[in-house]
Amino acid sequence: MPAPMSPEFLAMTGAFVQGSDEVYSSIEEMVDSGWHCLTKKQHPIAKAYLDELLSGKYGEEELRALWLASNASVNPFRGSEGSCREFLELMRSRYEKFDRSLYID
C-alpha cells in the first residue's frame, strides 16, 4: 500500500467533485483547480507525493484503492475501464504547466 496520503494530496483531490466536468472546459482545467487548492509551498510536496505514487512501486489496484480513500467524489475509472495511473500522471504533468506566478511566498 502507498505511503499515507499527504494533506496536500487530500486537498487536491477534494477539487474533483460531482459536476466538475460541467464547470471546467477541459480535464486540464479541472486538474489545475486541484493545484489552485494548495499554497505555493505545498506544490512541491504534492508533486513529490505524486512522484512516489507513480514510481512503479504500486499497481493499478493499489492506486485505485488510494483514490477511493481520498477526498475525490468522482473517479477517473469505472469498473475495469479507465486508469487511475494515467489520471495521476496527468495531475503530475500539470505541475510543470501550472502558473504559480500569482502566488505569494
PDB file of N, CA and C in Angstrom:
ATOM      1  N   MET A   1       0.850  -1.190   0.000  1.00  0.00           N
ATOM      2  CA  MET A   1       0.000   0.000   0.000  1.00  0.00           C
ATOM      3  C   MET A   1       0.888   1.243   0.000  1.00  0.00           C
ATOM      4  N   PRO A   2       0.509   2.262  -0.769  1.00  0.00           N
ATOM      5  CA  PRO A   2       1.281   3.508  -0.803  1.00  0.00           C
ATOM      6  C   PRO A   2       1.379   4.163   0.569  1.00  0.00           C
ATOM      7  N   ALA A   3       2.333   5.057   0.677  1.00  0.00           N
ATOM      8  CA  ALA A   3       2.517   5.822   1.911  1.00  0.00           C
ATOM      9  C   ALA A   3       1.219   6.540   2.257  1.00  0.00           C
ATOM     10  N   PRO A   4       1.011   6.848   3.526  1.00  0.00           N
ATOM     11  CA  PRO A   4      -0.209   7.580   3.910  1.00  0.00           C
ATOM     12  C   PRO A   4      -0.369   8.841   3.061  1.00  0.00           C
ATOM     13  N   MET A   5      -1.601   9.163   2.761  1.00  0.00           N
ATOM     14  CA  MET A   5      -1.874  10.329   1.920  1.00  0.00           C
ATOM     15  C   MET A   5      -1.416  11.608   2.597  1.00  0.00           C
ATOM     16  N   SER A   6      -0.759  12.432   1.823  1.00  0.00           N
ATOM     17  CA  SER A   6      -0.340  13.726   2.346  1.00  0.00           C
ATOM     18  C   SER A   6      -1.552  14.654   2.391  1.00  0.00           C
ATOM     19  N   PRO A   7      -1.557  15.613   3.323  1.00  0.00           N
ATOM     20  CA  PRO A   7      -2.655  16.586   3.363  1.00  0.00           C
ATOM     21  C   PRO A   7      -2.789  17.344   2.037  1.00  0.00           C
ATOM     22  N   GLU A   8      -1.666  17.543   1.370  1.00  0.00           N
ATOM     23  CA  GLU A   8      -1.686  18.257   0.093  1.00  0.00           C
ATOM     24  C   GLU A   8      -2.432  17.451  -0.973  1.00  0.00           C
ATOM     25  N   PHE A   9      -2.180  16.149  -1.011  1.00  0.00           N
ATOM     26  CA  PHE A   9      -2.882  15.286  -1.967  1.00  0.00           C
ATOM     27  C   PHE A   9      -4.372  15.262  -1.650  1.00  0.00           C
ATOM     28  N   LEU A  10      -4.708  15.174  -0.371  1.00  0.00           N
ATOM     29  CA  LEU A  10      -6.116  15.186   0.025  1.00  0.00           C
ATOM     30  C   LEU A  10      -6.793  16.487  -0.399  1.00  0.00           C
ATOM     31  N   ALA A  11      -6.087  17.608  -0.228  1.00  0.00           N
ATOM     32  CA  ALA A  11      -6.652  18.902  -0.634  1.00  0.00           C
ATOM     33  C   ALA A  11      -6.872  18.940  -2.145  1.00  0.00           C
ATOM     34  N   MET A  12      -5.898  18.446  -2.892  1.00  0.00           N
ATOM     35  CA  MET A  12      -6.029  18.439  -4.357  1.00  0.00           C
ATOM     36  C   MET A  12      -7.209  17.595  -4.805  1.00  0.00           C
ATOM     37  N   THR A  13      -7.326  16.408  -4.253  1.00  0.00           N
ATOM     38  CA  THR A  13      -8.393  15.513  -4.698  1.00  0.00           C
ATOM     39  C   THR A  13      -9.764  16.027  -4.295  1.00  0.00           C
ATOM     40  N   GLY A  14      -9.814  16.886  -3.299  1.00  0.00           N
ATOM     41  CA  GLY A  14     -11.079  17.488  -2.901  1.00  0.00           C
ATOM     42  C   GLY A  14     -11.677  18.380  -3.978  1.00  0.00           C
ATOM     43  N   ALA A  15     -10.865  18.753  -4.961  1.00  0.00           N
ATOM     44  CA  ALA A  15     -11.356  19.588  -6.067  1.00  0.00           C
ATOM     45  C   ALA A  15     -12.160  18.779  -7.083  1.00  0.00           C
ATOM     46  N   PHE A  16     -12.047  17.460  -7.023  1.00  0.00           N
ATOM     47  CA  PHE A  16     -12.716  16.605  -8.003  1.00  0.00           C
ATOM     48  C   PHE A  16     -14.054  16.146  -7.440  1.00  0.00           C
ATOM     49  N   VAL A  17     -15.059  16.980  -7.664  1.00  0.00           N
ATOM     50  CA  VAL A  17     -16.394  16.746  -7.104  1.00  0.00           C
ATOM     51  C   VAL A  17     -17.398  16.476  -8.220  1.00  0.00           C
ATOM     52  N   GLN A  18     -18.540  15.939  -7.840  1.00  0.00           N
ATOM     53  CA  GLN A  18     -19.610  15.702  -8.809  1.00  0.00           C
ATOM     54  C   GLN A  18     -19.923  17.009  -9.541  1.00  0.00           C
ATOM     55  N   GLY A  19     -20.046  16.943 -10.833  1.00  0.00           N
ATOM     56  CA  GLY A  19     -20.363  18.118 -11.636  1.00  0.00           C
ATOM     57  C   GLY A  19     -19.151  18.883 -12.122  1.00  0.00           C
ATOM     58  N   SER A  20     -17.944  18.477 -11.714  1.00  0.00           N
ATOM     59  CA  SER A  20     -16.733  19.176 -12.148  1.00  0.00           C
ATOM     60  C   SER A  20     -16.633  19.236 -13.660  1.00  0.00           C
ATOM     61  N   ASP A  21     -17.047  18.161 -14.318  1.00  0.00           N
ATOM     62  CA  ASP A  21     -16.952  18.125 -15.774  1.00  0.00           C
ATOM     63  C   ASP A  21     -17.848  19.163 -16.441  1.00  0.00           C
ATOM     64  N   GLU A  22     -18.847  19.652 -15.717  1.00  0.00           N
ATOM     65  CA  GLU A  22     -19.738  20.679 -16.261  1.00  0.00           C
ATOM     66  C   GLU A  22     -19.224  22.091 -15.985  1.00  0.00           C
ATOM     67  N   VAL A  23     -18.344  22.220 -15.002  1.00  0.00           N
ATOM     68  CA  VAL A  23     -17.818  23.530 -14.606  1.00  0.00           C
ATOM     69  C   VAL A  23     -16.602  23.916 -15.441  1.00  0.00           C
ATOM     70  N   TYR A  24     -15.749  22.954 -15.726  1.00  0.00           N
ATOM     71  CA  TYR A  24     -14.487  23.230 -16.413  1.00  0.00           C
ATOM     72  C   TYR A  24     -14.579  22.851 -17.885  1.00  0.00           C
ATOM     73  N   SER A  25     -13.890  23.614 -18.708  1.00  0.00           N
ATOM     74  CA  SER A  25     -13.954  23.387 -20.152  1.00  0.00           C
ATOM     75  C   SER A  25     -13.056  22.241 -20.613  1.00  0.00           C
ATOM     76  N   SER A  26     -12.134  21.809 -19.756  1.00  0.00           N
ATOM     77  CA  SER A  26     -11.245  20.707 -20.123  1.00  0.00           C
ATOM     78  C   SER A  26     -10.810  19.962 -18.868  1.00  0.00           C
ATOM     79  N   ILE A  27     -10.322  18.761 -19.076  1.00  0.00           N
ATOM     80  CA  ILE A  27      -9.816  17.966 -17.956  1.00  0.00           C
ATOM     81  C   ILE A  27      -8.591  18.648 -17.347  1.00  0.00           C
ATOM     82  N   GLU A  28      -7.791  19.300 -18.183  1.00  0.00           N
ATOM     83  CA  GLU A  28      -6.607  20.009 -17.690  1.00  0.00           C
ATOM     84  C   GLU A  28      -7.007  21.152 -16.763  1.00  0.00           C
ATOM     85  N   GLU A  29      -8.049  21.875 -17.135  1.00  0.00           N
ATOM     86  CA  GLU A  29      -8.537  22.969 -16.293  1.00  0.00           C
ATOM     87  C   GLU A  29      -9.039  22.426 -14.953  1.00  0.00           C
ATOM     88  N   MET A  30      -9.693  21.285 -14.991  1.00  0.00           N
ATOM     89  CA  MET A  30     -10.177  20.678 -13.752  1.00  0.00           C
ATOM     90  C   MET A  30      -9.000  20.267 -12.867  1.00  0.00           C
ATOM     91  N   VAL A  31      -7.978  19.659 -13.463  1.00  0.00           N
ATOM     92  CA  VAL A  31      -6.800  19.265 -12.689  1.00  0.00           C
ATOM     93  C   VAL A  31      -6.109  20.500 -12.120  1.00  0.00           C
ATOM     94  N   ASP A  32      -6.008  21.548 -12.907  1.00  0.00           N
ATOM     95  CA  ASP A  32      -5.397  22.786 -12.412  1.00  0.00           C
ATOM     96  C   ASP A  32      -6.141  23.325 -11.199  1.00  0.00           C
ATOM     97  N   SER A  33      -7.446  23.101 -11.145  1.00  0.00           N
ATOM     98  CA  SER A  33      -8.205  23.568  -9.979  1.00  0.00           C
ATOM     99  C   SER A  33      -7.718  22.874  -8.710  1.00  0.00           C
ATOM    100  N   GLY A  34      -7.241  21.645  -8.848  1.00  0.00           N
ATOM    101  CA  GLY A  34      -6.659  20.950  -7.704  1.00  0.00           C
ATOM    102  C   GLY A  34      -5.377  21.617  -7.234  1.00  0.00           C
ATOM    103  N   TRP A  35      -4.552  22.044  -8.185  1.00  0.00           N
ATOM    104  CA  TRP A  35      -3.323  22.759  -7.814  1.00  0.00           C
ATOM    105  C   TRP A  35      -3.661  24.101  -7.166  1.00  0.00           C
ATOM    106  N   HIS A  36      -4.767  24.729  -7.596  1.00  0.00           N
ATOM    107  CA  HIS A  36      -5.191  26.006  -7.007  1.00  0.00           C
ATOM    108  C   HIS A  36      -5.554  25.870  -5.533  1.00  0.00           C
ATOM    109  N   CYS A  37      -5.898  24.664  -5.102  1.00  0.00           N
ATOM    110  CA  CYS A  37      -6.276  24.440  -3.698  1.00  0.00           C
ATOM    111  C   CYS A  37      -5.084  24.519  -2.754  1.00  0.00           C
ATOM    112  N   LEU A  38      -3.893  24.551  -3.309  1.00  0.00           N
ATOM    113  CA  LEU A  38      -2.676  24.500  -2.498  1.00  0.00           C
ATOM    114  C   LEU A  38      -1.956  25.834  -2.480  1.00  0.00           C
ATOM    115  N   THR A  39      -1.168  26.033  -1.446  1.00  0.00           N
ATOM    116  CA  THR A  39      -0.287  27.197  -1.403  1.00  0.00           C
ATOM    117  C   THR A  39       0.950  26.894  -2.243  1.00  0.00           C
ATOM    118  N   LYS A  40       1.699  27.929  -2.551  1.00  0.00           N
ATOM    119  CA  LYS A  40       2.913  27.755  -3.345  1.00  0.00           C
ATOM    120  C   LYS A  40       3.875  26.787  -2.664  1.00  0.00           C
ATOM    121  N   LYS A  41       3.961  26.844  -1.344  1.00  0.00           N
ATOM    122  CA  LYS A  41       4.868  25.959  -0.604  1.00  0.00           C
ATOM    123  C   LYS A  41       4.384  24.514  -0.599  1.00  0.00           C
ATOM    124  N   GLN A  42       3.094  24.308  -0.775  1.00  0.00           N
ATOM    125  CA  GLN A  42       2.551  22.946  -0.783  1.00  0.00           C
ATOM    126  C   GLN A  42       2.723  22.252  -2.132  1.00  0.00           C
ATOM    127  N   HIS A  43       2.911  23.024  -3.186  1.00  0.00           N
ATOM    128  CA  HIS A  43       3.018  22.438  -4.527  1.00  0.00           C
ATOM    129  C   HIS A  43       4.112  21.380  -4.629  1.00  0.00           C
ATOM    130  N   PRO A  44       5.363  21.669  -4.200  1.00  0.00           N
ATOM    131  CA  PRO A  44       6.394  20.633  -4.339  1.00  0.00           C
ATOM    132  C   PRO A  44       6.128  19.403  -3.473  1.00  0.00           C
ATOM    133  N   ILE A  45       5.430  19.576  -2.368  1.00  0.00           N
ATOM    134  CA  ILE A  45       5.098  18.433  -1.507  1.00  0.00           C
ATOM    135  C   ILE A  45       4.105  17.524  -2.229  1.00  0.00           C
ATOM    136  N   ALA A  46       3.093  18.127  -2.837  1.00  0.00           N
ATOM    137  CA  ALA A  46       2.112  17.350  -3.600  1.00  0.00           C
ATOM    138  C   ALA A  46       2.779  16.669  -4.789  1.00  0.00           C
ATOM    139  N   LYS A  47       3.666  17.380  -5.467  1.00  0.00           N
ATOM    140  CA  LYS A  47       4.389  16.808  -6.611  1.00  0.00           C
ATOM    141  C   LYS A  47       5.217  15.615  -6.169  1.00  0.00           C
ATOM    142  N   ALA A  48       5.906  15.727  -5.043  1.00  0.00           N
ATOM    143  CA  ALA A  48       6.725  14.618  -4.535  1.00  0.00           C
ATOM    144  C   ALA A  48       5.857  13.403  -4.211  1.00  0.00           C
ATOM    145  N   TYR A  49       4.668  13.641  -3.672  1.00  0.00           N
ATOM    146  CA  TYR A  49       3.771  12.527  -3.365  1.00  0.00           C
ATOM    147  C   TYR A  49       3.303  11.850  -4.655  1.00  0.00           C
ATOM    148  N   LEU A  50       2.970  12.643  -5.661  1.00  0.00           N
ATOM    149  CA  LEU A  50       2.591  12.069  -6.956  1.00  0.00           C
ATOM    150  C   LEU A  50       3.757  11.289  -7.565  1.00  0.00           C
ATOM    151  N   ASP A  51       4.975  11.823  -7.435  1.00  0.00           N
ATOM    152  CA  ASP A  51       6.155  11.107  -7.922  1.00  0.00           C
ATOM    153  C   ASP A  51       6.271   9.743  -7.251  1.00  0.00           C
ATOM    154  N   GLU A  52       6.045   9.703  -5.949  1.00  0.00           N
ATOM    155  CA  GLU A  52       6.101   8.439  -5.209  1.00  0.00           C
ATOM    156  C   GLU A  52       5.036   7.471  -5.719  1.00  0.00           C
ATOM    157  N   LEU A  53       3.818   7.956  -5.890  1.00  0.00           N
ATOM    158  CA  LEU A  53       2.742   7.085  -6.363  1.00  0.00           C
ATOM    159  C   LEU A  53       3.037   6.514  -7.745  1.00  0.00           C
ATOM    160  N   LEU A  54       3.716   7.297  -8.564  1.00  0.00           N
ATOM    161  CA  LEU A  54       3.979   6.901  -9.947  1.00  0.00           C
ATOM    162  C   LEU A  54       5.371   6.304 -10.144  1.00  0.00           C
ATOM    163  N   SER A  55       6.035   5.975  -9.050  1.00  0.00           N
ATOM    164  CA  SER A  55       7.406   5.460  -9.102  1.00  0.00           C
ATOM    165  C   SER A  55       7.506   4.044  -9.660  1.00  0.00           C
ATOM    166  N   GLY A  56       6.382   3.375  -9.810  1.00  0.00           N
ATOM    167  CA  GLY A  56       6.392   1.995 -10.277  1.00  0.00           C
ATOM    168  C   GLY A  56       6.272   0.985  -9.150  1.00  0.00           C
ATOM    169  N   LYS A  57       6.255   1.474  -7.923  1.00  0.00           N
ATOM    170  CA  LYS A  57       6.142   0.588  -6.755  1.00  0.00           C
ATOM    171  C   LYS A  57       4.722   0.075  -6.549  1.00  0.00           C
ATOM    172  N   TYR A  58       3.737   0.767  -7.127  1.00  0.00           N
ATOM    173  CA  TYR A  58       2.337   0.465  -6.837  1.00  0.00           C
ATOM    174  C   TYR A  58       1.585   0.114  -8.110  1.00  0.00           C
ATOM    175  N   GLY A  59       0.746  -0.879  -8.008  1.00  0.00           N
ATOM    176  CA  GLY A  59      -0.061  -1.306  -9.143  1.00  0.00           C
ATOM    177  C   GLY A  59      -1.346  -0.501  -9.242  1.00  0.00           C
ATOM    178  N   GLU A  60      -2.051  -0.715 -10.328  1.00  0.00           N
ATOM    179  CA  GLU A  60      -3.307  -0.001 -10.583  1.00  0.00           C
ATOM    180  C   GLU A  60      -4.310  -0.213  -9.450  1.00  0.00           C
ATOM    181  N   GLU A  61      -4.412  -1.428  -8.951  1.00  0.00           N
ATOM    182  CA  GLU A  61      -5.387  -1.700  -7.882  1.00  0.00           C
ATOM    183  C   GLU A  61      -5.056  -0.924  -6.611  1.00  0.00           C
ATOM    184  N   GLU A  62      -3.766  -0.821  -6.275  1.00  0.00           N
ATOM    185  CA  GLU A  62      -3.370  -0.045  -5.094  1.00  0.00           C
ATOM    186  C   GLU A  62      -3.676   1.437  -5.295  1.00  0.00           C
ATOM    187  N   LEU A  63      -3.418   1.933  -6.488  1.00  0.00           N
ATOM    188  CA  LEU A  63      -3.691   3.343  -6.773  1.00  0.00           C
ATOM    189  C   LEU A  63      -5.191   3.622  -6.736  1.00  0.00           C
ATOM    190  N   ARG A  64      -5.988   2.697  -7.235  1.00  0.00           N
ATOM    191  CA  ARG A  64      -7.444   2.865  -7.188  1.00  0.00           C
ATOM    192  C   ARG A  64      -7.939   2.880  -5.743  1.00  0.00           C
ATOM    193  N   ALA A  65      -7.408   1.986  -4.917  1.00  0.00           N
ATOM    194  CA  ALA A  65      -7.815   1.950  -3.506  1.00  0.00           C
ATOM    195  C   ALA A  65      -7.456   3.262  -2.819  1.00  0.00           C
ATOM    196  N   LEU A  66      -6.284   3.787  -3.132  1.00  0.00           N
ATOM    197  CA  LEU A  66      -5.863   5.070  -2.562  1.00  0.00           C
ATOM    198  C   LEU A  66      -6.811   6.179  -3.016  1.00  0.00           C
ATOM    199  N   TRP A  67      -7.127   6.201  -4.310  1.00  0.00           N
ATOM    200  CA  TRP A  67      -8.021   7.234  -4.846  1.00  0.00           C
ATOM    201  C   TRP A  67      -9.385   7.180  -4.161  1.00  0.00           C
ATOM    202  N   LEU A  68      -9.898   5.969  -3.991  1.00  0.00           N
ATOM    203  CA  LEU A  68     -11.212   5.807  -3.362  1.00  0.00           C
ATOM    204  C   LEU A  68     -11.213   6.274  -1.908  1.00  0.00           C
ATOM    205  N   ALA A  69     -10.053   6.270  -1.266  1.00  0.00           N
ATOM    206  CA  ALA A  69      -9.935   6.730   0.118  1.00  0.00           C
ATOM    207  C   ALA A  69      -9.621   8.228   0.198  1.00  0.00           C
ATOM    208  N   SER A  70      -9.440   8.873  -0.953  1.00  0.00           N
ATOM    209  CA  SER A  70      -9.108  10.303  -0.974  1.00  0.00           C
ATOM    210  C   SER A  70     -10.371  11.144  -0.810  1.00  0.00           C
ATOM    211  N   ASN A  71     -10.215  12.455  -0.976  1.00  0.00           N
ATOM    212  CA  ASN A  71     -11.350  13.378  -0.862  1.00  0.00           C
ATOM    213  C   ASN A  71     -12.120  13.547  -2.167  1.00  0.00           C
ATOM    214  N   ALA A  72     -11.710  12.854  -3.220  1.00  0.00           N
ATOM    215  CA  ALA A  72     -12.397  12.967  -4.513  1.00  0.00           C
ATOM    216  C   ALA A  72     -13.759  12.288  -4.446  1.00  0.00           C
ATOM    217  N   SER A  73     -14.740  12.916  -5.063  1.00  0.00           N
ATOM    218  CA  SER A  73     -16.065  12.289  -5.129  1.00  0.00           C
ATOM    219  C   SER A  73     -16.383  11.794  -6.536  1.00  0.00           C
ATOM    220  N   VAL A  74     -15.413  11.923  -7.435  1.00  0.00           N
ATOM    221  CA  VAL A  74     -15.522  11.346  -8.774  1.00  0.00           C
ATOM    222  C   VAL A  74     -14.265  10.517  -9.030  1.00  0.00           C
ATOM    223  N   ASN A  75     -14.390   9.530  -9.884  1.00  0.00           N
ATOM    224  CA  ASN A  75     -13.275   8.637 -10.157  1.00  0.00           C
ATOM    225  C   ASN A  75     -12.849   8.718 -11.612  1.00  0.00           C
ATOM    226  N   PRO A  76     -11.544   8.577 -11.878  1.00  0.00           N
ATOM    227  CA  PRO A  76     -11.068   8.543 -13.260  1.00  0.00           C
ATOM    228  C   PRO A  76     -11.188   7.144 -13.862  1.00  0.00           C
ATOM    229  N   PHE A  77     -11.890   6.266 -13.179  1.00  0.00           N
ATOM    230  CA  PHE A  77     -12.067   4.897 -13.647  1.00  0.00           C
ATOM    231  C   PHE A  77     -13.463   4.429 -13.272  1.00  0.00           C
ATOM    232  N   ARG A  78     -13.933   3.438 -13.992  1.00  0.00           N
ATOM    233  CA  ARG A  78     -15.245   2.838 -13.718  1.00  0.00           C
ATOM    234  C   ARG A  78     -15.115   1.353 -14.003  1.00  0.00           C
ATOM    235  N   GLY A  79     -15.241   0.551 -12.962  1.00  0.00           N
ATOM    236  CA  GLY A  79     -15.026  -0.879 -13.135  1.00  0.00           C
ATOM    237  C   GLY A  79     -13.621  -1.126 -13.632  1.00  0.00           C
ATOM    238  N   SER A  80     -13.497  -1.891 -14.692  1.00  0.00           N
ATOM    239  CA  SER A  80     -12.169  -2.161 -15.248  1.00  0.00           C
ATOM    240  C   SER A  80     -11.764  -1.121 -16.292  1.00  0.00           C
ATOM    241  N   GLU A  81     -12.639  -0.172 -16.575  1.00  0.00           N
ATOM    242  CA  GLU A  81     -12.342   0.856 -17.571  1.00  0.00           C
ATOM    243  C   GLU A  81     -11.659   2.050 -16.922  1.00  0.00           C
ATOM    244  N   GLY A  82     -10.814   2.706 -17.680  1.00  0.00           N
ATOM    245  CA  GLY A  82     -10.117   3.878 -17.185  1.00  0.00           C
ATOM    246  C   GLY A  82      -8.864   3.490 -16.425  1.00  0.00           C
ATOM    247  N   SER A  83      -8.062   4.487 -16.115  1.00  0.00           N
ATOM    248  CA  SER A  83      -6.792   4.238 -15.448  1.00  0.00           C
ATOM    249  C   SER A  83      -6.525   5.313 -14.412  1.00  0.00           C
ATOM    250  N   CYS A  84      -6.402   4.888 -13.184  1.00  0.00           N
ATOM    251  CA  CYS A  84      -6.041   5.826 -12.125  1.00  0.00           C
ATOM    252  C   CYS A  84      -4.615   6.330 -12.355  1.00  0.00           C
ATOM    253  N   ARG A  85      -3.729   5.428 -12.769  1.00  0.00           N
ATOM    254  CA  ARG A  85      -2.336   5.810 -13.021  1.00  0.00           C
ATOM    255  C   ARG A  85      -2.263   6.925 -14.072  1.00  0.00           C
ATOM    256  N   GLU A  86      -3.011   6.786 -15.154  1.00  0.00           N
ATOM    257  CA  GLU A  86      -2.981   7.811 -16.200  1.00  0.00           C
ATOM    258  C   GLU A  86      -3.483   9.150 -15.679  1.00  0.00           C
ATOM    259  N   PHE A  87      -4.503   9.134 -14.832  1.00  0.00           N
ATOM    260  CA  PHE A  87      -5.012  10.389 -14.291  1.00  0.00           C
ATOM    261  C   PHE A  87      -3.989  11.015 -13.340  1.00  0.00           C
ATOM    262  N   LEU A  88      -3.335  10.193 -12.525  1.00  0.00           N
ATOM    263  CA  LEU A  88      -2.286  10.705 -11.641  1.00  0.00           C
ATOM    264  C   LEU A  88      -1.125  11.267 -12.459  1.00  0.00           C
ATOM    265  N   GLU A  89      -0.813  10.628 -13.584  1.00  0.00           N
ATOM    266  CA  GLU A  89       0.231  11.151 -14.471  1.00  0.00           C
ATOM    267  C   GLU A  89      -0.174  12.510 -15.035  1.00  0.00           C
ATOM    268  N   LEU A  90      -1.440  12.658 -15.385  1.00  0.00           N
ATOM    269  CA  LEU A  90      -1.931  13.954 -15.860  1.00  0.00           C
ATOM    270  C   LEU A  90      -1.804  14.996 -14.752  1.00  0.00           C
ATOM    271  N   MET A  91      -2.194  14.626 -13.538  1.00  0.00           N
ATOM    272  CA  MET A  91      -2.068  15.558 -12.414  1.00  0.00           C
ATOM    273  C   MET A  91      -0.621  16.011 -12.263  1.00  0.00           C
ATOM    274  N   ARG A  92       0.307  15.068 -12.318  1.00  0.00           N
ATOM    275  CA  ARG A  92       1.723  15.409 -12.163  1.00  0.00           C
ATOM    276  C   ARG A  92       2.201  16.266 -13.325  1.00  0.00           C
ATOM    277  N   SER A  93       1.773  15.954 -14.545  1.00  0.00           N
ATOM    278  CA  SER A  93       2.230  16.719 -15.708  1.00  0.00           C
ATOM    279  C   SER A  93       1.762  18.169 -15.648  1.00  0.00           C
ATOM    280  N   ARG A  94       0.625  18.410 -15.037  1.00  0.00           N
ATOM    281  CA  ARG A  94       0.102  19.776 -14.934  1.00  0.00           C
ATOM    282  C   ARG A  94       0.915  20.613 -13.955  1.00  0.00           C
ATOM    283  N   TYR A  95       1.692  19.981 -13.093  1.00  0.00           N
ATOM    284  CA  TYR A  95       2.552  20.713 -12.153  1.00  0.00           C
ATOM    285  C   TYR A  95       3.489  21.647 -12.911  1.00  0.00           C
ATOM    286  N   GLU A  96       4.086  21.154 -13.975  1.00  0.00           N
ATOM    287  CA  GLU A  96       5.033  21.958 -14.750  1.00  0.00           C
ATOM    288  C   GLU A  96       4.339  23.077 -15.518  1.00  0.00           C
ATOM    289  N   LYS A  97       3.088  22.887 -15.851  1.00  0.00           N
ATOM    290  CA  LYS A  97       2.359  23.859 -16.664  1.00  0.00           C
ATOM    291  C   LYS A  97       1.551  24.849 -15.832  1.00  0.00           C
ATOM    292  N   PHE A  98       1.376  24.529 -14.569  1.00  0.00           N
ATOM    293  CA  PHE A  98       0.527  25.344 -13.707  1.00  0.00           C
ATOM    294  C   PHE A  98       1.200  26.680 -13.403  1.00  0.00           C
ATOM    295  N   ASP A  99       0.473  27.765 -13.539  1.00  0.00           N
ATOM    296  CA  ASP A  99       1.005  29.114 -13.319  1.00  0.00           C
ATOM    297  C   ASP A  99       1.009  29.448 -11.829  1.00  0.00           C
ATOM    298  N   ARG A 100       2.212  29.448 -11.251  1.00  0.00           N
ATOM    299  CA  ARG A 100       2.360  29.778  -9.832  1.00  0.00           C
ATOM    300  C   ARG A 100       2.798  31.232  -9.624  1.00  0.00           C
ATOM    301  N   SER A 101       2.855  32.005 -10.692  1.00  0.00           N
ATOM    302  CA  SER A 101       3.369  33.371 -10.587  1.00  0.00           C
ATOM    303  C   SER A 101       2.484  34.278  -9.744  1.00  0.00           C
ATOM    304  N   LEU A 102       1.219  33.934  -9.593  1.00  0.00           N
ATOM    305  CA  LEU A 102       0.307  34.780  -8.821  1.00  0.00           C
ATOM    306  C   LEU A 102       0.381  34.514  -7.324  1.00  0.00           C
ATOM    307  N   TYR A 103       1.093  33.451  -6.955  1.00  0.00           N
ATOM    308  CA  TYR A 103       1.183  33.092  -5.542  1.00  0.00           C
ATOM    309  C   TYR A 103       2.248  33.919  -4.846  1.00  0.00           C
ATOM    310  N   ILE A 104       1.980  34.277  -3.616  1.00  0.00           N
ATOM    311  CA  ILE A 104       2.947  34.988  -2.779  1.00  0.00           C
ATOM    312  C   ILE A 104       3.605  33.951  -1.880  1.00  0.00           C
ATOM    313  N   ASP A 105       4.917  34.026  -1.749  1.00  0.00           N
ATOM    314  CA  ASP A 105       5.625  33.070  -0.870  1.00  0.00           C
ATOM    315  C   ASP A 105       5.191  33.174   0.563  1.00  0.00           C
TER     316      ASP A 105
END
